[in-house]
Amino acid sequence: MPNSKSYNLEERTFEFARDCRLFVKKLKKTVSNIEDVKQLVRSSGSVGANYIEANEKLGEKDLKFRLKISRKEAKESRYWLRLLKALNKEHEEEIESLIIEADELRKILSAIINKI
C-alpha cells in the first residue's frame, strides 16, 4: 500500500478495495480464510461503489442514505480484516494498515454525513 494517500475520496476508496484484493492473494487457502476473504472483497468494494452512488444523488436524503451504507461497509471491512488478522499472524502488519485505512474511511464518511 502506498504511503501517500489520495485526497480524492473516490480514488481513495478504489485504492482501499484494490489493496484488499492484492492482499488476500497472499493468504493461505483455508476454509475460514476463503469465506472471510469473500466477505472482505464484497464489503471493501462496496465502500467505493456506494460513495460513487452517493455522488450521483437524487436528493439530500438519498445522498445521506448512500453515505451511511458506504460507512457501514467500511465498518464491515474492518470486521473481516480483524478476523483475518487474528488467524493470519504472519500478515499482521499488512492487515493492520488496511484496518487503519478502513477506520480512516469510516471517520471521513462520518464527518461528511454529520455536515449534511
PDB file of N, CA and C in Angstrom:
ATOM      1  N   MET A   1       0.846  -1.176   0.000  1.00  0.00           N
ATOM      2  CA  MET A   1       0.000   0.000   0.000  1.00  0.00           C
ATOM      3  C   MET A   1       0.889   1.236   0.000  1.00  0.00           C
ATOM      4  N   PRO A   2       0.670   2.158  -0.918  1.00  0.00           N
ATOM      5  CA  PRO A   2       1.499   3.347  -0.991  1.00  0.00           C
ATOM      6  C   PRO A   2       1.304   4.232   0.240  1.00  0.00           C
ATOM      7  N   ASN A   3       2.340   4.979   0.594  1.00  0.00           N
ATOM      8  CA  ASN A   3       2.288   5.833   1.775  1.00  0.00           C
ATOM      9  C   ASN A   3       1.486   7.101   1.548  1.00  0.00           C
ATOM     10  N   SER A   4       1.508   7.650   0.327  1.00  0.00           N
ATOM     11  CA  SER A   4       0.779   8.882   0.063  1.00  0.00           C
ATOM     12  C   SER A   4      -0.678   8.550  -0.235  1.00  0.00           C
ATOM     13  N   LYS A   5      -1.566   9.117   0.582  1.00  0.00           N
ATOM     14  CA  LYS A   5      -2.981   8.835   0.432  1.00  0.00           C
ATOM     15  C   LYS A   5      -3.636   9.901  -0.418  1.00  0.00           C
ATOM     16  N   SER A   6      -4.536   9.464  -1.263  1.00  0.00           N
ATOM     17  CA  SER A   6      -5.247  10.372  -2.151  1.00  0.00           C
ATOM     18  C   SER A   6      -6.233  11.217  -1.349  1.00  0.00           C
ATOM     19  N   TYR A   7      -6.367  12.493  -1.744  1.00  0.00           N
ATOM     20  CA  TYR A   7      -7.376  13.363  -1.133  1.00  0.00           C
ATOM     21  C   TYR A   7      -8.700  13.233  -1.871  1.00  0.00           C
ATOM     22  N   ASN A   8      -8.683  12.565  -3.027  1.00  0.00           N
ATOM     23  CA  ASN A   8      -9.892  12.297  -3.789  1.00  0.00           C
ATOM     24  C   ASN A   8     -10.514  11.043  -3.186  1.00  0.00           C
ATOM     25  N   LEU A   9     -11.660  11.201  -2.524  1.00  0.00           N
ATOM     26  CA  LEU A   9     -12.245  10.073  -1.791  1.00  0.00           C
ATOM     27  C   LEU A   9     -12.674   8.943  -2.716  1.00  0.00           C
ATOM     28  N   GLU A  10     -13.104   9.280  -3.913  1.00  0.00           N
ATOM     29  CA  GLU A  10     -13.471   8.242  -4.877  1.00  0.00           C
ATOM     30  C   GLU A  10     -12.237   7.384  -5.203  1.00  0.00           C
ATOM     31  N   GLU A  11     -11.111   8.027  -5.409  1.00  0.00           N
ATOM     32  CA  GLU A  11      -9.869   7.311  -5.699  1.00  0.00           C
ATOM     33  C   GLU A  11      -9.377   6.552  -4.472  1.00  0.00           C
ATOM     34  N   ARG A  12      -9.495   7.167  -3.314  1.00  0.00           N
ATOM     35  CA  ARG A  12      -9.025   6.519  -2.083  1.00  0.00           C
ATOM     36  C   ARG A  12      -9.826   5.263  -1.772  1.00  0.00           C
ATOM     37  N   THR A  13     -11.131   5.293  -1.993  1.00  0.00           N
ATOM     38  CA  THR A  13     -11.939   4.096  -1.749  1.00  0.00           C
ATOM     39  C   THR A  13     -11.600   3.012  -2.775  1.00  0.00           C
ATOM     40  N   PHE A  14     -11.298   3.431  -4.001  1.00  0.00           N
ATOM     41  CA  PHE A  14     -10.855   2.476  -5.022  1.00  0.00           C
ATOM     42  C   PHE A  14      -9.551   1.810  -4.589  1.00  0.00           C
ATOM     43  N   GLU A  15      -8.614   2.614  -4.111  1.00  0.00           N
ATOM     44  CA  GLU A  15      -7.315   2.085  -3.679  1.00  0.00           C
ATOM     45  C   GLU A  15      -7.465   1.125  -2.504  1.00  0.00           C
ATOM     46  N   PHE A  16      -8.390   1.421  -1.606  1.00  0.00           N
ATOM     47  CA  PHE A  16      -8.644   0.530  -0.474  1.00  0.00           C
ATOM     48  C   PHE A  16      -9.137  -0.829  -0.970  1.00  0.00           C
ATOM     49  N   ALA A  17     -10.113  -0.816  -1.868  1.00  0.00           N
ATOM     50  CA  ALA A  17     -10.635  -2.072  -2.417  1.00  0.00           C
ATOM     51  C   ALA A  17      -9.549  -2.832  -3.170  1.00  0.00           C
ATOM     52  N   ARG A  18      -8.765  -2.108  -3.959  1.00  0.00           N
ATOM     53  CA  ARG A  18      -7.655  -2.730  -4.694  1.00  0.00           C
ATOM     54  C   ARG A  18      -6.637  -3.342  -3.738  1.00  0.00           C
ATOM     55  N   ASP A  19      -6.263  -2.592  -2.712  1.00  0.00           N
ATOM     56  CA  ASP A  19      -5.266  -3.082  -1.760  1.00  0.00           C
ATOM     57  C   ASP A  19      -5.760  -4.312  -1.005  1.00  0.00           C
ATOM     58  N   CYS A  20      -7.033  -4.347  -0.679  1.00  0.00           N
ATOM     59  CA  CYS A  20      -7.604  -5.538  -0.035  1.00  0.00           C
ATOM     60  C   CYS A  20      -7.504  -6.736  -0.974  1.00  0.00           C
ATOM     61  N   ARG A  21      -7.815  -6.535  -2.243  1.00  0.00           N
ATOM     62  CA  ARG A  21      -7.761  -7.622  -3.222  1.00  0.00           C
ATOM     63  C   ARG A  21      -6.329  -8.112  -3.445  1.00  0.00           C
ATOM     64  N   LEU A  22      -5.392  -7.183  -3.506  1.00  0.00           N
ATOM     65  CA  LEU A  22      -3.993  -7.578  -3.676  1.00  0.00           C
ATOM     66  C   LEU A  22      -3.500  -8.339  -2.447  1.00  0.00           C
ATOM     67  N   PHE A  23      -3.927  -7.900  -1.268  1.00  0.00           N
ATOM     68  CA  PHE A  23      -3.500  -8.560  -0.041  1.00  0.00           C
ATOM     69  C   PHE A  23      -4.016  -9.994   0.062  1.00  0.00           C
ATOM     70  N   VAL A  24      -5.301 -10.206  -0.226  1.00  0.00           N
ATOM     71  CA  VAL A  24      -5.890 -11.527   0.019  1.00  0.00           C
ATOM     72  C   VAL A  24      -5.277 -12.618  -0.856  1.00  0.00           C
ATOM     73  N   LYS A  25      -4.625 -12.226  -1.934  1.00  0.00           N
ATOM     74  CA  LYS A  25      -3.947 -13.206  -2.780  1.00  0.00           C
ATOM     75  C   LYS A  25      -2.813 -13.891  -2.030  1.00  0.00           C
ATOM     76  N   LYS A  26      -2.309 -13.268  -0.974  1.00  0.00           N
ATOM     77  CA  LYS A  26      -1.171 -13.776  -0.215  1.00  0.00           C
ATOM     78  C   LYS A  26      -1.572 -14.782   0.865  1.00  0.00           C
ATOM     79  N   LEU A  27      -2.853 -14.865   1.163  1.00  0.00           N
ATOM     80  CA  LEU A  27      -3.317 -15.705   2.273  1.00  0.00           C
ATOM     81  C   LEU A  27      -3.393 -17.178   1.891  1.00  0.00           C
ATOM     82  N   LYS A  28      -3.214 -18.024   2.907  1.00  0.00           N
ATOM     83  CA  LYS A  28      -3.384 -19.470   2.718  1.00  0.00           C
ATOM     84  C   LYS A  28      -4.851 -19.742   2.403  1.00  0.00           C
ATOM     85  N   LYS A  29      -5.080 -20.781   1.620  1.00  0.00           N
ATOM     86  CA  LYS A  29      -6.443 -21.121   1.194  1.00  0.00           C
ATOM     87  C   LYS A  29      -7.107 -22.060   2.219  1.00  0.00           C
ATOM     88  N   THR A  30      -7.311 -21.548   3.450  1.00  0.00           N
ATOM     89  CA  THR A  30      -8.030 -22.326   4.451  1.00  0.00           C
ATOM     90  C   THR A  30      -9.523 -22.054   4.291  1.00  0.00           C
ATOM     91  N   VAL A  31     -10.360 -22.902   4.871  1.00  0.00           N
ATOM     92  CA  VAL A  31     -11.807 -22.719   4.766  1.00  0.00           C
ATOM     93  C   VAL A  31     -12.213 -21.350   5.328  1.00  0.00           C
ATOM     94  N   SER A  32     -11.706 -21.009   6.509  1.00  0.00           N
ATOM     95  CA  SER A  32     -12.099 -19.735   7.111  1.00  0.00           C
ATOM     96  C   SER A  32     -11.558 -18.547   6.313  1.00  0.00           C
ATOM     97  N   ASN A  33     -10.321 -18.634   5.840  1.00  0.00           N
ATOM     98  CA  ASN A  33      -9.773 -17.539   5.035  1.00  0.00           C
ATOM     99  C   ASN A  33     -10.598 -17.329   3.775  1.00  0.00           C
ATOM    100  N   ILE A  34     -10.954 -18.402   3.112  1.00  0.00           N
ATOM    101  CA  ILE A  34     -11.728 -18.293   1.870  1.00  0.00           C
ATOM    102  C   ILE A  34     -13.059 -17.580   2.128  1.00  0.00           C
ATOM    103  N   GLU A  35     -13.757 -17.972   3.181  1.00  0.00           N
ATOM    104  CA  GLU A  35     -15.053 -17.359   3.488  1.00  0.00           C
ATOM    105  C   GLU A  35     -14.908 -15.910   3.928  1.00  0.00           C
ATOM    106  N   ASP A  36     -13.917 -15.628   4.782  1.00  0.00           N
ATOM    107  CA  ASP A  36     -13.706 -14.263   5.254  1.00  0.00           C
ATOM    108  C   ASP A  36     -13.249 -13.350   4.117  1.00  0.00           C
ATOM    109  N   VAL A  37     -12.419 -13.876   3.232  1.00  0.00           N
ATOM    110  CA  VAL A  37     -11.939 -13.102   2.087  1.00  0.00           C
ATOM    111  C   VAL A  37     -13.105 -12.729   1.166  1.00  0.00           C
ATOM    112  N   LYS A  38     -14.022 -13.657   0.936  1.00  0.00           N
ATOM    113  CA  LYS A  38     -15.193 -13.352   0.096  1.00  0.00           C
ATOM    114  C   LYS A  38     -15.954 -12.156   0.657  1.00  0.00           C
ATOM    115  N   GLN A  39     -16.148 -12.166   1.970  1.00  0.00           N
ATOM    116  CA  GLN A  39     -16.876 -11.076   2.615  1.00  0.00           C
ATOM    117  C   GLN A  39     -16.094  -9.765   2.529  1.00  0.00           C
ATOM    118  N   LEU A  40     -14.773  -9.841   2.751  1.00  0.00           N
ATOM    119  CA  LEU A  40     -13.937  -8.642   2.688  1.00  0.00           C
ATOM    120  C   LEU A  40     -13.930  -8.049   1.283  1.00  0.00           C
ATOM    121  N   VAL A  41     -13.820  -8.892   0.280  1.00  0.00           N
ATOM    122  CA  VAL A  41     -13.812  -8.402  -1.103  1.00  0.00           C
ATOM    123  C   VAL A  41     -15.125  -7.670  -1.403  1.00  0.00           C
ATOM    124  N   ARG A  42     -16.233  -8.237  -0.957  1.00  0.00           N
ATOM    125  CA  ARG A  42     -17.532  -7.588  -1.188  1.00  0.00           C
ATOM    126  C   ARG A  42     -17.625  -6.244  -0.462  1.00  0.00           C
ATOM    127  N   SER A  43     -17.329  -6.263   0.845  1.00  0.00           N
ATOM    128  CA  SER A  43     -17.521  -5.038   1.629  1.00  0.00           C
ATOM    129  C   SER A  43     -16.529  -3.944   1.236  1.00  0.00           C
ATOM    130  N   SER A  44     -15.282  -4.299   0.968  1.00  0.00           N
ATOM    131  CA  SER A  44     -14.289  -3.277   0.602  1.00  0.00           C
ATOM    132  C   SER A  44     -14.649  -2.619  -0.734  1.00  0.00           C
ATOM    133  N   GLY A  45     -15.184  -3.378  -1.661  1.00  0.00           N
ATOM    134  CA  GLY A  45     -15.622  -2.807  -2.938  1.00  0.00           C
ATOM    135  C   GLY A  45     -16.867  -1.962  -2.785  1.00  0.00           C
ATOM    136  N   SER A  46     -17.724  -2.323  -1.844  1.00  0.00           N
ATOM    137  CA  SER A  46     -18.968  -1.580  -1.630  1.00  0.00           C
ATOM    138  C   SER A  46     -18.743  -0.209  -1.021  1.00  0.00           C
ATOM    139  N   VAL A  47     -17.631  -0.022  -0.310  1.00  0.00           N
ATOM    140  CA  VAL A  47     -17.337   1.307   0.248  1.00  0.00           C
ATOM    141  C   VAL A  47     -17.307   2.320  -0.898  1.00  0.00           C
ATOM    142  N   GLY A  48     -16.500   2.053  -1.900  1.00  0.00           N
ATOM    143  CA  GLY A  48     -16.364   2.975  -3.022  1.00  0.00           C
ATOM    144  C   GLY A  48     -17.575   3.006  -3.929  1.00  0.00           C
ATOM    145  N   ALA A  49     -18.168   1.848  -4.171  1.00  0.00           N
ATOM    146  CA  ALA A  49     -19.334   1.792  -5.064  1.00  0.00           C
ATOM    147  C   ALA A  49     -20.480   2.643  -4.510  1.00  0.00           C
ATOM    148  N   ASN A  50     -20.709   2.549  -3.207  1.00  0.00           N
ATOM    149  CA  ASN A  50     -21.782   3.343  -2.600  1.00  0.00           C
ATOM    150  C   ASN A  50     -21.418   4.814  -2.512  1.00  0.00           C
ATOM    151  N   TYR A  51     -20.136   5.117  -2.353  1.00  0.00           N
ATOM    152  CA  TYR A  51     -19.712   6.513  -2.354  1.00  0.00           C
ATOM    153  C   TYR A  51     -19.960   7.138  -3.731  1.00  0.00           C
ATOM    154  N   ILE A  52     -19.655   6.389  -4.784  1.00  0.00           N
ATOM    155  CA  ILE A  52     -19.905   6.873  -6.145  1.00  0.00           C
ATOM    156  C   ILE A  52     -21.403   7.100  -6.357  1.00  0.00           C
ATOM    157  N   GLU A  53     -22.216   6.155  -5.882  1.00  0.00           N
ATOM    158  CA  GLU A  53     -23.671   6.317  -5.995  1.00  0.00           C
ATOM    159  C   GLU A  53     -24.144   7.540  -5.225  1.00  0.00           C
ATOM    160  N   ALA A  54     -23.546   7.799  -4.076  1.00  0.00           N
ATOM    161  CA  ALA A  54     -23.922   8.970  -3.280  1.00  0.00           C
ATOM    162  C   ALA A  54     -23.675  10.248  -4.071  1.00  0.00           C
ATOM    163  N   ASN A  55     -22.590  10.279  -4.824  1.00  0.00           N
ATOM    164  CA  ASN A  55     -22.262  11.473  -5.616  1.00  0.00           C
ATOM    165  C   ASN A  55     -23.215  11.669  -6.782  1.00  0.00           C
ATOM    166  N   GLU A  56     -23.946  10.642  -7.145  1.00  0.00           N
ATOM    167  CA  GLU A  56     -24.963  10.737  -8.202  1.00  0.00           C
ATOM    168  C   GLU A  56     -26.348  10.863  -7.566  1.00  0.00           C
ATOM    169  N   LYS A  57     -26.376  11.516  -6.444  1.00  0.00           N
ATOM    170  CA  LYS A  57     -27.568  11.576  -5.589  1.00  0.00           C
ATOM    171  C   LYS A  57     -28.817  12.072  -6.317  1.00  0.00           C
ATOM    172  N   LEU A  58     -29.920  11.602  -5.802  1.00  0.00           N
ATOM    173  CA  LEU A  58     -31.214  12.029  -6.313  1.00  0.00           C
ATOM    174  C   LEU A  58     -31.834  13.062  -5.382  1.00  0.00           C
ATOM    175  N   GLY A  59     -31.067  13.471  -4.392  1.00  0.00           N
ATOM    176  CA  GLY A  59     -31.525  14.433  -3.397  1.00  0.00           C
ATOM    177  C   GLY A  59     -30.707  14.246  -2.137  1.00  0.00           C
ATOM    178  N   GLU A  60     -30.895  15.148  -1.189  1.00  0.00           N
ATOM    179  CA  GLU A  60     -30.107  15.099   0.046  1.00  0.00           C
ATOM    180  C   GLU A  60     -30.362  13.833   0.855  1.00  0.00           C
ATOM    181  N   LYS A  61     -31.596  13.385   0.873  1.00  0.00           N
ATOM    182  CA  LYS A  61     -31.945  12.173   1.622  1.00  0.00           C
ATOM    183  C   LYS A  61     -31.220  10.952   1.031  1.00  0.00           C
ATOM    184  N   ASP A  62     -31.196  10.864  -0.296  1.00  0.00           N
ATOM    185  CA  ASP A  62     -30.511   9.759  -0.980  1.00  0.00           C
ATOM    186  C   ASP A  62     -28.999   9.832  -0.743  1.00  0.00           C
ATOM    187  N   LEU A  63     -28.454  11.049  -0.783  1.00  0.00           N
ATOM    188  CA  LEU A  63     -27.030  11.251  -0.532  1.00  0.00           C
ATOM    189  C   LEU A  63     -26.653  10.698   0.837  1.00  0.00           C
ATOM    190  N   LYS A  64     -27.395  11.096   1.853  1.00  0.00           N
ATOM    191  CA  LYS A  64     -27.105  10.663   3.226  1.00  0.00           C
ATOM    192  C   LYS A  64     -27.248   9.149   3.357  1.00  0.00           C
ATOM    193  N   PHE A  65     -28.275   8.587   2.748  1.00  0.00           N
ATOM    194  CA  PHE A  65     -28.509   7.140   2.794  1.00  0.00           C
ATOM    195  C   PHE A  65     -27.325   6.379   2.187  1.00  0.00           C
ATOM    196  N   ARG A  66     -26.877   6.802   1.012  1.00  0.00           N
ATOM    197  CA  ARG A  66     -25.753   6.127   0.329  1.00  0.00           C
ATOM    198  C   ARG A  66     -24.451   6.268   1.122  1.00  0.00           C
ATOM    199  N   LEU A  67     -24.237   7.447   1.688  1.00  0.00           N
ATOM    200  CA  LEU A  67     -23.037   7.655   2.501  1.00  0.00           C
ATOM    201  C   LEU A  67     -23.045   6.758   3.741  1.00  0.00           C
ATOM    202  N   LYS A  68     -24.225   6.586   4.331  1.00  0.00           N
ATOM    203  CA  LYS A  68     -24.332   5.714   5.506  1.00  0.00           C
ATOM    204  C   LYS A  68     -24.049   4.261   5.126  1.00  0.00           C
ATOM    205  N   ILE A  69     -24.493   3.838   3.959  1.00  0.00           N
ATOM    206  CA  ILE A  69     -24.187   2.480   3.501  1.00  0.00           C
ATOM    207  C   ILE A  69     -22.684   2.344   3.287  1.00  0.00           C
ATOM    208  N   SER A  70     -22.067   3.336   2.678  1.00  0.00           N
ATOM    209  CA  SER A  70     -20.631   3.319   2.445  1.00  0.00           C
ATOM    210  C   SER A  70     -19.881   3.207   3.776  1.00  0.00           C
ATOM    211  N   ARG A  71     -20.311   3.981   4.762  1.00  0.00           N
ATOM    212  CA  ARG A  71     -19.693   3.927   6.096  1.00  0.00           C
ATOM    213  C   ARG A  71     -19.887   2.554   6.735  1.00  0.00           C
ATOM    214  N   LYS A  72     -21.075   1.997   6.584  1.00  0.00           N
ATOM    215  CA  LYS A  72     -21.364   0.663   7.127  1.00  0.00           C
ATOM    216  C   LYS A  72     -20.447  -0.381   6.501  1.00  0.00           C
ATOM    217  N   GLU A  73     -20.200  -0.269   5.217  1.00  0.00           N
ATOM    218  CA  GLU A  73     -19.322  -1.218   4.517  1.00  0.00           C
ATOM    219  C   GLU A  73     -17.864  -1.064   4.977  1.00  0.00           C
ATOM    220  N   ALA A  74     -17.450   0.153   5.306  1.00  0.00           N
ATOM    221  CA  ALA A  74     -16.101   0.363   5.847  1.00  0.00           C
ATOM    222  C   ALA A  74     -15.981  -0.322   7.204  1.00  0.00           C
ATOM    223  N   LYS A  75     -17.031  -0.193   8.024  1.00  0.00           N
ATOM    224  CA  LYS A  75     -17.037  -0.872   9.335  1.00  0.00           C
ATOM    225  C   LYS A  75     -16.991  -2.384   9.156  1.00  0.00           C
ATOM    226  N   GLU A  76     -17.764  -2.885   8.198  1.00  0.00           N
ATOM    227  CA  GLU A  76     -17.787  -4.321   7.947  1.00  0.00           C
ATOM    228  C   GLU A  76     -16.424  -4.809   7.449  1.00  0.00           C
ATOM    229  N   SER A  77     -15.798  -4.039   6.591  1.00  0.00           N
ATOM    230  CA  SER A  77     -14.461  -4.405   6.097  1.00  0.00           C
ATOM    231  C   SER A  77     -13.490  -4.533   7.264  1.00  0.00           C
ATOM    232  N   ARG A  78     -13.578  -3.605   8.195  1.00  0.00           N
ATOM    233  CA  ARG A  78     -12.720  -3.642   9.382  1.00  0.00           C
ATOM    234  C   ARG A  78     -12.932  -4.943  10.154  1.00  0.00           C
ATOM    235  N   TYR A  79     -14.181  -5.350  10.283  1.00  0.00           N
ATOM    236  CA  TYR A  79     -14.507  -6.592  10.991  1.00  0.00           C
ATOM    237  C   TYR A  79     -13.830  -7.794  10.337  1.00  0.00           C
ATOM    238  N   TRP A  80     -13.962  -7.933   9.018  1.00  0.00           N
ATOM    239  CA  TRP A  80     -13.369  -9.071   8.314  1.00  0.00           C
ATOM    240  C   TRP A  80     -11.849  -9.024   8.385  1.00  0.00           C
ATOM    241  N   LEU A  81     -11.287  -7.832   8.318  1.00  0.00           N
ATOM    242  CA  LEU A  81      -9.838  -7.692   8.443  1.00  0.00           C
ATOM    243  C   LEU A  81      -9.360  -8.119   9.832  1.00  0.00           C
ATOM    244  N   ARG A  82     -10.118  -7.767  10.861  1.00  0.00           N
ATOM    245  CA  ARG A  82      -9.746  -8.180  12.229  1.00  0.00           C
ATOM    246  C   ARG A  82      -9.763  -9.696  12.361  1.00  0.00           C
ATOM    247  N   LEU A  83     -10.760 -10.325  11.769  1.00  0.00           N
ATOM    248  CA  LEU A  83     -10.824 -11.792  11.804  1.00  0.00           C
ATOM    249  C   LEU A  83      -9.623 -12.401  11.087  1.00  0.00           C
ATOM    250  N   LEU A  84      -9.320 -11.876   9.915  1.00  0.00           N
ATOM    251  CA  LEU A  84      -8.176 -12.378   9.155  1.00  0.00           C
ATOM    252  C   LEU A  84      -6.873 -12.163   9.914  1.00  0.00           C
ATOM    253  N   LYS A  85      -6.770 -11.025  10.591  1.00  0.00           N
ATOM    254  CA  LYS A  85      -5.565 -10.725  11.375  1.00  0.00           C
ATOM    255  C   LYS A  85      -5.399 -11.724  12.522  1.00  0.00           C
ATOM    256  N   ALA A  86      -6.499 -12.058  13.176  1.00  0.00           N
ATOM    257  CA  ALA A  86      -6.445 -12.982  14.308  1.00  0.00           C
ATOM    258  C   ALA A  86      -5.981 -14.374  13.891  1.00  0.00           C
ATOM    259  N   LEU A  87      -6.232 -14.739  12.635  1.00  0.00           N
ATOM    260  CA  LEU A  87      -5.924 -16.098  12.178  1.00  0.00           C
ATOM    261  C   LEU A  87      -4.742 -16.174  11.215  1.00  0.00           C
ATOM    262  N   ASN A  88      -4.140 -15.038  10.929  1.00  0.00           N
ATOM    263  CA  ASN A  88      -3.014 -14.995   9.984  1.00  0.00           C
ATOM    264  C   ASN A  88      -1.925 -14.082  10.546  1.00  0.00           C
ATOM    265  N   LYS A  89      -1.328 -14.516  11.641  1.00  0.00           N
ATOM    266  CA  LYS A  89      -0.344 -13.699  12.369  1.00  0.00           C
ATOM    267  C   LYS A  89       0.836 -13.271  11.494  1.00  0.00           C
ATOM    268  N   GLU A  90       1.167 -14.083  10.503  1.00  0.00           N
ATOM    269  CA  GLU A  90       2.317 -13.756   9.647  1.00  0.00           C
ATOM    270  C   GLU A  90       2.067 -12.517   8.776  1.00  0.00           C
ATOM    271  N   HIS A  91       0.812 -12.079   8.685  1.00  0.00           N
ATOM    272  CA  HIS A  91       0.461 -10.907   7.872  1.00  0.00           C
ATOM    273  C   HIS A  91      -0.083  -9.762   8.729  1.00  0.00           C
ATOM    274  N   GLU A  92       0.170  -9.841  10.017  1.00  0.00           N
ATOM    275  CA  GLU A  92      -0.405  -8.901  10.976  1.00  0.00           C
ATOM    276  C   GLU A  92      -0.166  -7.428  10.616  1.00  0.00           C
ATOM    277  N   GLU A  93       1.059  -7.081  10.247  1.00  0.00           N
ATOM    278  CA  GLU A  93       1.403  -5.698   9.946  1.00  0.00           C
ATOM    279  C   GLU A  93       0.625  -5.159   8.736  1.00  0.00           C
ATOM    280  N   GLU A  94       0.588  -5.948   7.685  1.00  0.00           N
ATOM    281  CA  GLU A  94      -0.116  -5.523   6.474  1.00  0.00           C
ATOM    282  C   GLU A  94      -1.617  -5.398   6.727  1.00  0.00           C
ATOM    283  N   ILE A  95      -2.160  -6.332   7.482  1.00  0.00           N
ATOM    284  CA  ILE A  95      -3.592  -6.272   7.798  1.00  0.00           C
ATOM    285  C   ILE A  95      -3.886  -5.050   8.653  1.00  0.00           C
ATOM    286  N   GLU A  96      -3.007  -4.763   9.591  1.00  0.00           N
ATOM    287  CA  GLU A  96      -3.214  -3.589  10.462  1.00  0.00           C
ATOM    288  C   GLU A  96      -3.272  -2.306   9.649  1.00  0.00           C
ATOM    289  N   SER A  97      -2.452  -2.178   8.624  1.00  0.00           N
ATOM    290  CA  SER A  97      -2.501  -0.960   7.804  1.00  0.00           C
ATOM    291  C   SER A  97      -3.831  -0.862   7.045  1.00  0.00           C
ATOM    292  N   LEU A  98      -4.384  -2.000   6.648  1.00  0.00           N
ATOM    293  CA  LEU A  98      -5.706  -1.993   5.991  1.00  0.00           C
ATOM    294  C   LEU A  98      -6.806  -1.652   6.998  1.00  0.00           C
ATOM    295  N   ILE A  99      -6.675  -2.127   8.224  1.00  0.00           N
ATOM    296  CA  ILE A  99      -7.642  -1.798   9.279  1.00  0.00           C
ATOM    297  C   ILE A  99      -7.630  -0.294   9.541  1.00  0.00           C
ATOM    298  N   ILE A 100      -6.436   0.280   9.606  1.00  0.00           N
ATOM    299  CA  ILE A 100      -6.302   1.732   9.826  1.00  0.00           C
ATOM    300  C   ILE A 100      -6.979   2.495   8.691  1.00  0.00           C
ATOM    301  N   GLU A 101      -6.780   2.058   7.461  1.00  0.00           N
ATOM    302  CA  GLU A 101      -7.404   2.734   6.320  1.00  0.00           C
ATOM    303  C   GLU A 101      -8.927   2.600   6.381  1.00  0.00           C
ATOM    304  N   ALA A 102      -9.442   1.428   6.752  1.00  0.00           N
ATOM    305  CA  ALA A 102     -10.892   1.249   6.889  1.00  0.00           C
ATOM    306  C   ALA A 102     -11.437   2.211   7.948  1.00  0.00           C
ATOM    307  N   ASP A 103     -10.716   2.357   9.063  1.00  0.00           N
ATOM    308  CA  ASP A 103     -11.131   3.287  10.121  1.00  0.00           C
ATOM    309  C   ASP A 103     -11.114   4.732   9.632  1.00  0.00           C
ATOM    310  N   GLU A 104     -10.069   5.097   8.899  1.00  0.00           N
ATOM    311  CA  GLU A 104      -9.976   6.464   8.387  1.00  0.00           C
ATOM    312  C   GLU A 104     -11.102   6.760   7.405  1.00  0.00           C
ATOM    313  N   LEU A 105     -11.404   5.807   6.544  1.00  0.00           N
ATOM    314  CA  LEU A 105     -12.516   5.998   5.606  1.00  0.00           C
ATOM    315  C   LEU A 105     -13.830   6.155   6.367  1.00  0.00           C
ATOM    316  N   ARG A 106     -14.033   5.346   7.381  1.00  0.00           N
ATOM    317  CA  ARG A 106     -15.250   5.438   8.196  1.00  0.00           C
ATOM    318  C   ARG A 106     -15.366   6.819   8.834  1.00  0.00           C
ATOM    319  N   LYS A 107     -14.257   7.329   9.365  1.00  0.00           N
ATOM    320  CA  LYS A 107     -14.267   8.649  10.019  1.00  0.00           C
ATOM    321  C   LYS A 107     -14.536   9.767   9.008  1.00  0.00           C
ATOM    322  N   ILE A 108     -13.947   9.675   7.837  1.00  0.00           N
ATOM    323  CA  ILE A 108     -14.176  10.678   6.790  1.00  0.00           C
ATOM    324  C   ILE A 108     -15.646  10.676   6.382  1.00  0.00           C
ATOM    325  N   LEU A 109     -16.195   9.482   6.172  1.00  0.00           N
ATOM    326  CA  LEU A 109     -17.599   9.369   5.765  1.00  0.00           C
ATOM    327  C   LEU A 109     -18.520   9.894   6.872  1.00  0.00           C
ATOM    328  N   SER A 110     -18.188   9.605   8.139  1.00  0.00           N
ATOM    329  CA  SER A 110     -18.979  10.115   9.256  1.00  0.00           C
ATOM    330  C   SER A 110     -18.967  11.641   9.278  1.00  0.00           C
ATOM    331  N   ALA A 111     -17.798  12.225   9.037  1.00  0.00           N
ATOM    332  CA  ALA A 111     -17.693  13.691   9.026  1.00  0.00           C
ATOM    333  C   ALA A 111     -18.553  14.284   7.916  1.00  0.00           C
ATOM    334  N   ILE A 112     -18.558  13.654   6.750  1.00  0.00           N
ATOM    335  CA  ILE A 112     -19.375  14.143   5.631  1.00  0.00           C
ATOM    336  C   ILE A 112     -20.864  14.042   6.001  1.00  0.00           C
ATOM    337  N   ILE A 113     -21.249  12.899   6.563  1.00  0.00           N
ATOM    338  CA  ILE A 113     -22.651  12.682   6.951  1.00  0.00           C
ATOM    339  C   ILE A 113     -23.085  13.738   7.981  1.00  0.00           C
ATOM    340  N   ASN A 114     -22.221  14.007   8.952  1.00  0.00           N
ATOM    341  CA  ASN A 114     -22.552  14.973  10.010  1.00  0.00           C
ATOM    342  C   ASN A 114     -22.677  16.409   9.487  1.00  0.00           C
ATOM    343  N   LYS A 115     -22.022  16.708   8.364  1.00  0.00           N
ATOM    344  CA  LYS A 115     -22.096  18.068   7.798  1.00  0.00           C
ATOM    345  C   LYS A 115     -23.326  18.276   6.932  1.00  0.00           C
ATOM    346  N   ILE A 116     -24.013  17.181   6.582  1.00  0.00           N
ATOM    347  CA  ILE A 116     -25.199  17.297   5.718  1.00  0.00           C
ATOM    348  C   ILE A 116     -26.404  17.767   6.538  1.00  0.00           C
TER     349      ILE A 116
END
